[in-house]
Each structure stands twice: as structure tokens, then as C-alpha cells.
Protein backbone atom coordinates (compact mmCIF):
# COMPACT_ATOMS: atom_id res chain seq x y z
CA MET A 1 -16.18 -86.93 5.27
CA SER A 2 -14.34 -85.73 8.39
CA GLU A 3 -11.25 -87.88 7.84
CA LYS A 4 -10.84 -86.31 4.37
CA VAL A 5 -10.66 -82.76 5.69
CA LYS A 6 -6.97 -82.06 6.11
CA GLY A 7 -5.02 -79.39 7.92
CA LYS A 8 -1.48 -78.03 7.62
CA CYS A 9 1.29 -78.60 10.13
CA LYS A 10 2.56 -75.34 11.63
CA TYR A 11 6.19 -76.35 11.22
CA CYS A 12 6.56 -78.18 7.90
CA GLY A 13 3.40 -77.08 6.08
CA LYS A 14 2.45 -80.61 5.04
CA GLU A 15 -1.21 -81.62 5.12
CA PHE A 16 -2.64 -84.38 7.26
CA THR A 17 -6.07 -85.60 8.28
CA ARG A 18 -7.40 -85.08 11.78
CA GLY A 19 -6.77 -88.76 12.51
CA TYR A 20 -3.06 -88.52 11.64
CA ILE A 21 -1.99 -84.99 12.60
CA ILE A 22 -1.24 -85.85 16.25
CA ARG A 23 1.10 -88.69 15.23
CA HIS A 24 2.78 -86.43 12.71
CA LEU A 25 3.41 -83.66 15.23
CA ALA A 26 5.13 -86.13 17.53
CA SER A 27 7.63 -87.01 14.79
CA CYS A 28 7.81 -83.85 12.65
CA LYS A 29 11.51 -83.17 11.96
CA GLU A 30 11.00 -79.45 11.49
CA ARG A 31 9.21 -79.21 14.82
CA LYS A 32 11.95 -81.13 16.63
CA GLN A 33 14.59 -78.84 15.13
CA ARG A 34 12.63 -75.75 16.18
CA LEU A 35 12.17 -76.98 19.74
CA GLU A 36 15.86 -77.90 20.05
CA SER A 37 16.91 -74.46 18.79
CA GLU A 38 14.63 -72.78 21.34
CA ALA A 39 16.04 -74.72 24.29
CA GLY A 40 16.89 -72.43 27.20
CA LYS A 41 17.53 -72.49 30.92
CA LYS A 42 13.94 -71.76 31.94
CA THR A 43 11.39 -74.46 31.11
CA CYS A 44 7.69 -75.00 31.61
CA GLY A 45 5.05 -77.60 30.82
CA TYR A 46 2.85 -77.63 27.71
CA PHE A 47 -0.42 -79.40 27.03
CA GLU A 48 -1.27 -80.44 23.47
CA LEU A 49 -5.03 -80.35 22.87
CA LEU A 50 -7.16 -81.69 20.02
CA ILE A 51 -10.41 -79.70 19.86
CA THR A 52 -13.25 -81.01 17.71
CA ALA A 53 -16.83 -79.93 17.09
CA LYS A 54 -18.97 -82.55 18.85
CA TYR A 55 -21.43 -83.00 15.99
CA ASP A 56 -19.26 -82.13 12.98
CA SER A 57 -15.69 -83.39 13.19
CA ASP A 58 -14.77 -81.67 9.91
CA TYR A 59 -13.96 -78.76 12.22
CA TRP A 60 -10.92 -79.33 14.40
CA LEU A 61 -7.96 -77.55 15.99
CA VAL A 62 -4.70 -78.71 17.51
CA ILE A 63 -3.20 -76.24 19.97
CA GLU A 64 -0.36 -76.19 22.46
CA VAL A 65 -0.80 -74.18 25.64
CA LYS A 66 1.33 -73.56 28.73
CA ASP A 67 0.27 -75.45 31.82
CA THR A 68 0.41 -72.14 33.74
CA ALA A 69 -2.32 -70.69 31.53
CA PHE A 70 -5.90 -70.58 32.76
CA LEU A 71 -9.04 -72.28 31.47
CA LYS A 72 -10.21 -68.74 30.73
CA ASP A 73 -7.36 -68.40 28.23
CA ILE A 74 -8.65 -71.37 26.23
CA ASP A 75 -12.19 -70.01 26.49
CA ASN A 76 -11.05 -66.66 25.08
CA PHE A 77 -9.17 -68.40 22.27
CA LEU A 78 -12.17 -70.52 21.28
CA ARG A 79 -14.38 -67.45 21.27
CA ASP A 80 -11.88 -65.57 19.09
CA ILE A 81 -11.36 -68.28 16.50
CA TRP A 82 -14.70 -70.13 16.37
CA LEU A 83 -17.53 -68.83 18.50
CA GLU A 84 -17.95 -65.25 19.67
CA CYS A 85 -21.08 -63.55 18.39
CA CYS A 86 -23.09 -62.02 21.24
CA GLY A 87 -21.11 -62.52 24.44
CA HIS A 88 -22.87 -65.73 25.49
CA LEU A 89 -21.97 -67.79 28.56
CA SER A 90 -19.69 -70.81 28.27
CA ALA A 91 -18.49 -73.75 30.36
CA PHE A 92 -15.96 -76.59 30.52
CA GLU A 93 -17.02 -79.94 31.95
CA ILE A 94 -14.05 -81.64 33.65
CA ASN A 95 -14.41 -84.77 35.78
CA GLY A 96 -18.01 -83.92 36.57
CA VAL A 97 -17.23 -80.33 37.54
CA SER A 98 -18.53 -77.34 35.57
CA TYR A 99 -16.08 -74.47 35.13
CA GLU A 100 -18.07 -71.49 33.86
CA SER A 101 -17.32 -68.05 32.44
CA PHE A 102 -19.65 -66.45 35.02
CA PRO A 103 -20.33 -69.09 37.68
CA ASP A 104 -23.42 -68.75 39.85
CA PRO A 105 -22.38 -69.28 43.49
CA ASP A 106 -25.94 -70.27 44.42
CA PRO A 107 -26.38 -74.03 43.79
CA PHE A 108 -30.18 -73.82 44.21
CA TRP A 109 -30.76 -74.81 40.56
CA GLY A 110 -28.13 -77.52 40.56
CA ARG A 111 -24.55 -78.19 41.55
CA GLU A 112 -22.23 -75.31 42.30
CA ALA A 113 -20.09 -74.18 39.38
CA LYS A 114 -16.45 -73.13 39.58
CA SER A 115 -14.61 -70.28 37.89
CA MET A 116 -12.46 -70.66 34.77
CA ASN A 117 -9.73 -68.73 36.59
CA CYS A 118 -7.81 -71.86 37.45
CA ARG A 119 -4.50 -72.97 35.98
CA LEU A 120 -4.49 -75.84 33.51
CA LYS A 121 -1.94 -77.84 35.49
CA THR A 122 -4.43 -78.08 38.36
CA VAL A 123 -7.27 -79.57 36.28
CA LEU A 124 -5.84 -81.24 33.14
CA GLN A 125 -3.98 -84.52 32.66
CA LYS A 126 -2.75 -86.32 29.57
CA GLY A 127 -5.44 -88.67 28.23
CA MET A 128 -8.39 -86.61 29.48
CA ARG A 129 -11.50 -85.97 27.37
CA ILE A 130 -13.48 -82.93 28.43
CA GLY A 131 -16.53 -81.10 27.15
CA TYR A 132 -17.09 -77.43 26.34
CA GLU A 133 -20.24 -75.46 25.58
CA TYR A 134 -20.71 -71.95 24.24
CA ASP A 135 -24.16 -70.34 24.49
CA PHE A 136 -26.61 -72.27 26.67
CA GLY A 137 -29.49 -71.47 24.27
CA SER A 138 -28.28 -72.13 20.71
CA THR A 139 -25.42 -74.21 21.99
CA THR A 140 -22.21 -75.06 20.16
CA GLU A 141 -20.60 -78.11 21.78
CA LEU A 142 -16.94 -79.05 21.50
CA MET A 143 -14.85 -82.01 22.64
CA ILE A 144 -11.32 -81.46 23.93
CA GLU A 145 -8.76 -84.27 24.18
CA VAL A 146 -5.50 -83.82 26.08
CA LYS A 147 -3.20 -85.61 23.66
CA ASP A 148 0.21 -84.87 25.10
CA TYR A 149 2.17 -83.12 27.81
CA ARG A 150 5.80 -82.05 27.51
CA PHE A 151 8.41 -79.83 29.11
CA GLY A 152 10.09 -77.23 26.95
CA ASN A 153 11.51 -73.75 26.69
CA ASP A 154 9.41 -71.15 28.48
CA GLY A 155 8.61 -69.03 25.43
CA LYS A 156 6.63 -65.83 25.11
CA GLU A 157 3.55 -67.43 23.53
CA LYS A 158 1.01 -68.72 26.03
CA LEU A 159 -0.95 -70.57 23.33
CA LYS A 160 -0.16 -71.49 19.74
CA ILE A 161 -2.04 -73.24 16.93
CA LEU A 162 -0.23 -76.35 15.66
CA SER A 163 -2.80 -77.20 13.00
CA ARG A 164 -6.34 -76.41 11.94
CA ASN A 165 -8.74 -77.94 9.43
CA ASN A 166 -8.53 -76.39 5.99
CA VAL A 167 -11.49 -74.30 4.85
CA VAL A 168 -14.43 -76.56 4.03
CA THR A 169 -16.20 -75.53 0.81
CA TYR A 170 -19.86 -76.11 -0.06
CA THR A 171 -21.77 -76.08 -3.32
CA CYS A 172 -24.83 -73.89 -3.69
CA GLY A 173 -27.98 -75.89 -2.99
CA ARG A 174 -30.01 -73.70 -5.36
CA CYS A 175 -28.04 -73.91 -8.62
CA GLY A 176 -25.83 -76.88 -7.73
CA LYS A 177 -22.92 -75.30 -9.57
CA ARG A 178 -21.22 -72.39 -7.83
CA GLU A 179 -19.44 -72.27 -4.48
CA ALA A 180 -21.70 -71.24 -1.63
CA LEU A 181 -20.84 -68.03 0.19
CA TYR A 182 -23.90 -67.89 2.45
CA ILE A 183 -25.90 -70.18 4.70
CA ASN A 184 -29.61 -69.74 5.38
CA SER A 185 -29.78 -69.79 9.16
CA TYR A 186 -33.50 -70.65 9.07
CA GLN A 187 -32.89 -73.69 6.88
CA MET A 188 -29.49 -74.83 8.20
CA TYR A 189 -30.86 -78.18 9.35
CA GLY A 190 -32.65 -78.76 6.05
CA GLU A 191 -31.45 -80.62 2.97
CA ASN A 192 -29.12 -77.91 1.68
CA PRO A 193 -29.07 -74.44 3.25
CA PHE A 194 -26.13 -73.11 1.21
CA TRP A 195 -26.43 -70.29 -1.34
CA CYS A 196 -24.00 -68.79 -3.84
CA LYS A 197 -23.76 -65.04 -4.49
CA GLU A 198 -25.91 -65.13 -7.62
CA CYS A 199 -28.71 -67.20 -6.10
CA SER A 200 -28.73 -65.07 -2.96
CA LYS A 201 -29.93 -62.14 -5.08
CA GLN A 202 -33.21 -63.98 -5.57
CA VAL A 203 -34.04 -63.83 -1.86
CA GLU A 204 -36.77 -61.38 -0.89
CA PRO A 205 -35.60 -58.77 1.67
CA GLU A 206 -38.07 -59.97 4.29
CA GLU A 207 -36.78 -63.54 3.85
CA ASN A 208 -33.09 -62.70 3.98
CA TYR A 209 -31.71 -64.83 6.79
CA LEU A 210 -28.37 -65.44 5.09
CA LEU A 211 -25.12 -65.45 7.06
CA ASN A 212 -21.58 -65.82 5.76
CA VAL A 213 -20.14 -69.30 5.25
CA CYS A 214 -17.15 -69.52 7.58
CA ASN A 215 -14.62 -72.02 8.91
CA SER A 216 -16.35 -72.71 12.21
CA PRO A 217 -18.77 -75.23 13.75
CA ARG A 218 -20.92 -72.23 14.78
CA MET A 219 -21.54 -71.26 11.17
CA GLY A 220 -25.16 -70.21 10.67
CA VAL A 221 -25.98 -70.09 14.39
CA CYS A 222 -27.24 -66.94 16.12
CA ALA A 223 -25.39 -64.00 14.51
CA TYR A 224 -22.04 -65.71 13.94
CA GLU A 225 -20.28 -64.89 10.66
CA GLY A 226 -16.64 -65.71 11.28
CA SER A 227 -13.62 -64.59 13.28
CA ASP A 228 -12.35 -61.02 13.41
CA VAL A 229 -9.07 -62.24 14.90
CA TYR A 230 -7.92 -65.28 12.91
CA PRO A 231 -7.90 -65.90 9.13
CA GLU A 232 -10.24 -68.57 7.79
CA GLN A 233 -7.33 -70.58 6.42
CA PHE A 234 -4.54 -71.46 8.84
CA VAL A 235 -1.14 -70.32 7.52
CA PRO A 236 1.84 -72.46 8.60
CA ASP A 237 5.27 -70.97 9.33
CA THR A 238 6.57 -72.15 5.94
CA GLU A 239 4.13 -69.80 4.15
CA VAL A 240 4.57 -66.70 6.30
């Protein structure tokens, strides 16, 4: 199913699968024209990252971020768009080193963790695959691939979204007809935890564990019900 979930290119608005979007971005005419028009005297490096939910690759992001940004900047972005519900801890795993949001300097319970306050150019390289975890209890795990590195105009944006999976829709598991708007967090690993608006009215108050369906791999976990910062559907420049 994951290869069928498409996303729109930021520059041309065309839709591509996760498996093809990286190749498209490398050759997108509209993107090349934009980058050429933005050329200036001051340049910097940019990493292009493909971010995918580890256990559900229907959910994916392609972002470009300055190499002078910090790991903490990516952590904040992921929280804003996909994850933040209760201020949980998080960590990147890079070359066997854990970079954590609040590292414990005492290695008594394991290896010493490092801070996320380190610049990307000191820890990332093209071709890397790194792990990321949010919430060490009800954990959401992501995989991050460093797909490209380029030099370009030193623009104002530290991080930009190049593409994102389109909203994934689900059919109500109760009636089998209408689009689901809610997910039963207590049954999310069952056969079909999705409920439409009409069927949700049949739930007894004491059994109401329904959360909003949202465009995130953390859907239905803890208290997460979607982003307050980013729209569910990514809007390319051609539609702004």
C-alpha cells in the first residue's frame, strides 16, 4: 500500500510515490529554475532528508534543511508536524551515538547520551540512515535517510518541506461505508479501529476512547490528535 500513497512536489505540484519523489526532485524543472533565480553571493550547504515511519511507510516527509541547523531543529519540526502530544522525550541514533532532547550525563544505566544542540554538518553525511524515537513509553519510531547534499543560496528558511504524503483515508470499520473520522485508541491494533461520525454516536460515554484520524504515524497513540502548526494536506507552491 505504501508505494501507492503519493505526495505533491513543492515546486511543480505534481504527485509522485515515496519511491520516486527523490528522483523527481533531482530533475524537477520548476525547482531548478527557482534555485537558479535565488542564486546569490552567500551560499551554504543543504541536506535533503527522507523521513519515514518505521512501521508504516504510508507516512513520509521529504525536507531540506541547512547544514548549520541543529538536530534540535529537526526534532522540533517532527514534533510540530507529526508527534507532539505531551512533551515526551526524544532521541536520534547516529552511528551508535544517542542524541537526546534531555540527555542524562550519568551513564550508570547505559552509555552516555549527547545533546541535540549540535550542527547537522558535524554529524550527518549523504547516504546515512539514522533512527529517531519520540516518547520512550508509547514510542513512535522514524527512519531518516540523508538522500542528498548540495550548496545553494543562503536563504531565510532554515528548513522547508519538499513533499509530504497525501492524507490517507480510512473506511469506517463499523458500517463499512463512510469515511472514518476517529480511531479507537484502545483497539488500534485490532482488525479495524476506525469509526465514522455516525457510528461514533453509538459509543457509550465510559467507552469513548476515540481520537481524531490525522495524517501522522502517531495517530491514535497517547493523546495525539494532529498538528496545530501544519495542515493535514501539504500545499505546494503552485496552489498557494
